[in-house]
Amino acid sequence: MENVDVITRKKYKIEINDVDFNKQVKISSLFNYFQDVASKSVEHLGVGINKLKEEYGLAWVIIKMRVEVLRYPNWNEEIIVETWPKATKSLEFERDFLIYDNQGNIIAKATSIWVLLDIETRKVKRTNIIESNYQDLTKSALDYEFMKLMPFKNLDIVYDRMIGYSDIDFNGHLNNIKYIDFISDCLPFDKHKLFSIKALEINFINETLPGEVISLFNDLSKIDDHYLYVEGKNMVNQNTIFKALVEITPRE
């Protein structure tokens, strides 16, 4: 692969379906922008979604992500989302993101880890098809090391969610953006009126398929310290689907 510019940028306008009751963008919408611009980036780098699927039977799958929000943009505001790949680590591929407002201010930062999934076996696959001529790019959006996520005390059931047609992406499993909405719903609505999500870290552990049911649990024992833990489980096979840590901050 030729040496190409590895930083990809895309402009977005915050539409009405991207915002919440405060007319500010939902954090799940930010994940949607990240997913979209990441797809554009890998296409530019020659390892796009269609090529990997058709030529190698592989798919990009995100396994970890942390987002920190400095300011939520409002309805009709324009933003620029920037992404770039970082050095590979064994089976994992790092990717960072920044969001800028129209004045060039950074309003959100994110870091993520991706793997390549064999579409037939549904297992992570090691491959040398991802050339690493961009490994010297040292720019980082977040100086952060992912940690093991665990509940603080006890988990309480919040609700069950059956996975249907509208939840499934082109890889045939639950789209990662849907998880963010599920997590947001595990924070009581009265808390959403008083607080916004300052940071969200999620570990995607097992995929969820159509017809399966996710049981959503939360741990509110540290909510007074502005932290919420959320976990999704498949109670039929006892698989943990994801774990998430949310930090909230008082609304201005």
Protein backbone atom coordinates (compact mmCIF):
# COMPACT_ATOMS: atom_id res chain seq x y z
CA MET A 1 0.00 0.00 0.00
CA GLU A 2 1.30 3.43 -0.91
CA ASN A 3 2.11 5.91 1.81
CA VAL A 4 -1.14 7.88 2.09
CA ASP A 5 -2.48 10.50 4.45
CA VAL A 6 -3.91 8.45 7.31
CA ILE A 7 -5.96 11.21 8.94
CA THR A 8 -9.54 11.22 7.71
CA ARG A 9 -12.01 14.04 8.37
CA LYS A 10 -15.71 14.43 7.70
CA LYS A 11 -18.17 17.24 8.40
CA TYR A 12 -21.56 16.52 9.96
CA LYS A 13 -24.60 18.66 10.68
CA ILE A 14 -26.47 17.75 13.85
CA GLU A 15 -29.92 16.68 12.65
CA ILE A 16 -33.14 16.46 14.66
CA ASN A 17 -32.93 12.66 14.99
CA ASP A 18 -29.41 12.99 16.44
CA VAL A 19 -30.44 14.97 19.53
CA ASP A 20 -32.14 14.33 22.86
CA PHE A 21 -34.80 16.26 24.78
CA ASN A 22 -32.33 19.10 25.36
CA LYS A 23 -31.69 19.45 21.62
CA GLN A 24 -28.12 18.35 22.26
CA VAL A 25 -26.53 15.48 20.38
CA LYS A 26 -26.95 12.06 22.00
CA ILE A 27 -23.80 10.19 22.88
CA SER A 28 -25.01 7.31 20.70
CA SER A 29 -25.04 9.75 17.77
CA LEU A 30 -21.38 10.48 18.44
CA PHE A 31 -20.69 6.74 18.21
CA ASN A 32 -22.58 6.77 14.90
CA TYR A 33 -20.31 9.51 13.54
CA PHE A 34 -17.25 7.61 14.75
CA GLN A 35 -18.40 4.43 13.02
CA ASP A 36 -19.14 6.29 9.80
CA VAL A 37 -15.84 8.16 9.58
CA ALA A 38 -13.90 5.00 10.55
CA SER A 39 -15.52 3.23 7.59
CA LYS A 40 -14.42 6.07 5.34
CA SER A 41 -10.89 5.85 6.76
CA VAL A 42 -10.39 2.10 6.19
CA GLU A 43 -11.75 2.52 2.67
CA HIS A 44 -9.14 5.21 2.04
CA LEU A 45 -6.43 2.92 3.44
CA GLY A 46 -7.39 0.08 1.11
CA VAL A 47 -8.89 -2.20 3.75
CA GLY A 48 -12.53 -1.17 3.49
CA ILE A 49 -15.55 -3.14 4.62
CA ASN A 50 -16.55 -4.53 1.20
CA LYS A 51 -13.02 -5.51 0.19
CA LEU A 52 -12.36 -7.38 3.44
CA LYS A 53 -15.66 -9.23 3.21
CA GLU A 54 -15.53 -10.14 -0.48
CA GLU A 55 -11.81 -10.98 -0.78
CA TYR A 56 -10.96 -12.32 2.68
CA GLY A 57 -14.22 -13.14 4.48
CA LEU A 58 -13.33 -10.72 7.27
CA ALA A 59 -15.08 -7.88 9.05
CA TRP A 60 -13.91 -5.02 11.24
CA VAL A 61 -15.30 -5.36 14.78
CA ILE A 62 -14.81 -2.92 17.63
CA ILE A 63 -14.01 -4.46 21.03
CA LYS A 64 -13.22 -1.46 23.24
CA MET A 65 -13.94 2.24 23.16
CA ARG A 66 -13.71 5.24 25.46
CA VAL A 67 -15.30 8.59 24.66
CA GLU A 68 -14.80 11.78 26.67
CA VAL A 69 -17.09 14.73 25.92
CA LEU A 70 -16.02 18.28 26.64
CA ARG A 71 -19.15 19.88 25.17
CA TYR A 72 -22.22 18.47 23.46
CA PRO A 73 -23.02 20.20 20.16
CA ASN A 74 -26.59 21.39 19.57
CA TRP A 75 -29.21 20.78 16.92
CA ASN A 76 -28.23 22.35 13.56
CA GLU A 77 -24.62 22.82 14.67
CA GLU A 78 -21.88 21.65 12.31
CA ILE A 79 -18.95 19.58 13.54
CA ILE A 80 -15.88 17.93 12.04
CA VAL A 81 -14.98 14.38 13.07
CA GLU A 82 -11.38 13.28 12.59
CA THR A 83 -9.92 9.79 12.86
CA TRP A 84 -6.65 7.98 12.30
CA PRO A 85 -5.24 4.47 12.88
CA LYS A 86 -2.40 3.84 15.29
CA ALA A 87 0.12 1.05 15.72
CA THR A 88 -1.18 -2.51 15.73
CA LYS A 89 -0.75 -4.66 18.83
CA SER A 90 -0.80 -8.37 18.04
CA LEU A 91 -4.40 -9.01 16.91
CA GLU A 92 -5.62 -5.53 17.83
CA PHE A 93 -5.79 -2.32 15.83
CA GLU A 94 -6.00 1.03 17.61
CA ARG A 95 -7.95 3.98 16.25
CA ASP A 96 -8.46 7.46 17.74
CA PHE A 97 -11.00 10.20 17.10
CA LEU A 98 -11.43 13.93 17.71
CA ILE A 99 -14.50 16.11 17.22
CA TYR A 100 -14.13 19.82 16.49
CA ASP A 101 -16.71 22.60 16.44
CA ASN A 102 -16.84 25.28 13.74
CA GLN A 103 -14.35 27.41 15.68
CA GLY A 104 -11.80 24.60 15.68
CA ASN A 105 -12.25 23.76 19.37
CA ILE A 106 -11.97 20.10 20.38
CA ILE A 107 -15.31 19.12 21.94
CA ALA A 108 -14.91 15.32 22.20
CA LYS A 109 -12.12 12.75 22.23
CA ALA A 110 -12.16 8.99 21.77
CA THR A 111 -9.88 6.00 21.54
CA SER A 112 -10.80 2.51 20.40
CA ILE A 113 -9.52 -1.00 19.70
CA TRP A 114 -10.67 -3.11 16.75
CA VAL A 115 -10.09 -6.67 15.56
CA LEU A 116 -10.74 -8.59 12.38
CA LEU A 117 -13.50 -11.21 12.66
CA ASP A 118 -13.77 -14.26 10.43
CA ILE A 119 -17.34 -13.99 9.14
CA GLU A 120 -17.78 -17.77 8.87
CA THR A 121 -16.25 -18.92 12.17
CA ARG A 122 -17.16 -15.71 14.09
CA LYS A 123 -13.67 -15.81 15.61
CA VAL A 124 -10.92 -13.19 15.70
CA LYS A 125 -8.36 -13.86 12.97
CA ARG A 126 -4.70 -12.97 12.69
CA THR A 127 -3.74 -11.71 9.24
CA ASN A 128 -0.98 -9.81 7.49
CA ILE A 129 -3.25 -8.12 4.97
CA ILE A 130 -3.35 -4.95 7.07
CA GLU A 131 -0.12 -3.23 6.17
CA SER A 132 1.39 -1.16 8.95
CA ASN A 133 3.13 1.71 7.19
CA TYR A 134 1.31 4.13 9.50
CA GLN A 135 2.65 2.72 12.76
CA ASP A 136 4.92 5.72 13.31
CA LEU A 137 1.91 8.03 13.73
CA THR A 138 2.18 9.03 17.39
CA LYS A 139 -0.75 11.43 17.61
CA SER A 140 -3.17 10.41 20.38
CA ALA A 141 -6.61 11.72 21.16
CA LEU A 142 -6.52 10.29 24.69
CA ASP A 143 -3.56 9.31 26.83
CA TYR A 144 -5.40 6.33 28.27
CA GLU A 145 -4.90 2.64 28.99
CA PHE A 146 -8.04 0.50 28.90
CA MET A 147 -8.84 -1.15 32.21
CA LYS A 148 -10.84 -4.14 33.37
CA LEU A 149 -14.42 -3.05 34.00
CA MET A 150 -16.20 -4.50 37.03
CA PRO A 151 -19.32 -3.57 39.02
CA PHE A 152 -18.78 -1.61 42.22
CA LYS A 153 -21.19 -3.70 44.30
CA ASN A 154 -24.34 -5.52 43.22
CA LEU A 155 -26.06 -5.50 39.84
CA ASP A 156 -29.77 -4.74 39.57
CA ILE A 157 -31.91 -5.73 36.60
CA VAL A 158 -33.19 -2.72 34.66
CA TYR A 159 -34.95 -4.26 31.65
CA ASP A 160 -34.80 -6.96 28.98
CA ARG A 161 -34.40 -6.14 25.30
CA MET A 162 -35.14 -8.56 22.45
CA ILE A 163 -32.93 -7.98 19.43
CA GLY A 164 -34.89 -7.45 16.22
CA TYR A 165 -34.50 -6.41 12.61
CA SER A 166 -33.88 -2.71 13.32
CA ASP A 167 -30.99 -3.54 15.67
CA ILE A 168 -28.88 -5.59 13.27
CA ASP A 169 -26.03 -4.28 11.11
CA PHE A 170 -24.47 -5.63 7.90
CA ASN A 171 -22.31 -8.05 9.91
CA GLY A 172 -25.49 -9.78 11.08
CA HIS A 173 -25.18 -8.86 14.75
CA LEU A 174 -26.29 -6.10 17.09
CA ASN A 175 -24.84 -2.78 15.96
CA ASN A 176 -22.49 -1.22 18.51
CA ILE A 177 -24.43 2.07 18.44
CA LYS A 178 -27.50 0.30 19.82
CA TYR A 179 -25.54 -0.71 22.93
CA ILE A 180 -24.94 2.97 23.70
CA ASP A 181 -28.66 3.69 23.66
CA PHE A 182 -29.26 0.65 25.89
CA ILE A 183 -26.64 1.96 28.32
CA SER A 184 -28.12 5.45 28.30
CA ASP A 185 -31.52 3.98 29.19
CA CYS A 186 -29.97 2.41 32.30
CA LEU A 187 -29.48 5.86 33.79
CA PRO A 188 -32.82 6.99 35.28
CA PHE A 189 -34.49 9.73 33.25
CA ASP A 190 -34.58 12.13 36.20
CA LYS A 191 -30.79 11.83 36.31
CA HIS A 192 -30.58 12.65 32.60
CA LYS A 193 -32.43 15.90 33.35
CA LEU A 194 -29.76 16.87 35.88
CA PHE A 195 -26.63 15.29 34.41
CA SER A 196 -25.00 14.66 31.05
CA ILE A 197 -22.60 11.85 30.19
CA LYS A 198 -19.05 13.12 30.54
CA ALA A 199 -17.30 9.88 29.62
CA LEU A 200 -18.32 6.40 28.51
CA GLU A 201 -16.09 3.36 28.29
CA ILE A 202 -17.36 0.09 26.89
CA ASN A 203 -15.93 -3.39 26.41
CA PHE A 204 -17.73 -5.43 23.74
CA ILE A 205 -17.29 -9.05 24.80
CA ASN A 206 -19.74 -11.28 22.92
CA GLU A 207 -21.89 -10.58 19.90
CA THR A 208 -25.69 -10.62 19.99
CA LEU A 209 -27.78 -12.08 17.18
CA PRO A 210 -31.38 -11.53 16.00
CA GLY A 211 -33.99 -13.07 18.28
CA GLU A 212 -31.74 -13.12 21.32
CA VAL A 213 -32.59 -11.19 24.47
CA ILE A 214 -30.18 -8.97 26.37
CA SER A 215 -30.83 -8.42 30.07
CA LEU A 216 -29.57 -4.98 31.11
CA PHE A 217 -28.19 -4.52 34.62
CA ASN A 218 -26.87 -1.43 36.38
CA ASP A 219 -24.99 -0.61 39.56
CA LEU A 220 -25.97 2.79 40.97
CA SER A 221 -24.01 2.44 44.21
CA LYS A 222 -21.59 5.21 43.12
CA ILE A 223 -24.08 7.48 41.43
CA ASP A 224 -23.48 10.16 44.09
CA ASP A 225 -19.84 10.08 42.99
CA HIS A 226 -21.09 10.52 39.40
CA TYR A 227 -20.35 6.98 38.21
CA LEU A 228 -22.65 4.34 36.75
CA TYR A 229 -21.80 0.77 35.82
CA VAL A 230 -23.87 -1.10 33.21
CA GLU A 231 -23.66 -4.69 32.03
CA GLY A 232 -25.53 -6.64 29.39
CA LYS A 233 -26.02 -10.40 29.65
CA ASN A 234 -27.57 -13.20 27.64
CA MET A 235 -29.35 -15.09 30.41
CA VAL A 236 -29.95 -18.17 28.22
CA ASN A 237 -26.27 -19.01 27.67
CA GLN A 238 -24.99 -16.83 30.55
CA ASN A 239 -22.67 -14.90 28.24
CA THR A 240 -21.69 -11.38 29.24
CA ILE A 241 -22.33 -9.25 26.17
CA PHE A 242 -20.73 -5.99 27.24
CA LYS A 243 -19.50 -4.04 30.25
CA ALA A 244 -19.60 -0.26 30.51
CA LEU A 245 -18.52 2.47 32.87
CA VAL A 246 -20.24 5.86 32.62
CA GLU A 247 -19.15 9.11 34.22
CA ILE A 248 -21.77 11.85 34.53
CA THR A 249 -21.48 15.56 35.22
CA PRO A 250 -24.06 18.19 36.27
CA ARG A 251 -25.70 20.03 33.39
CA GLU A 252 -24.86 23.70 33.15
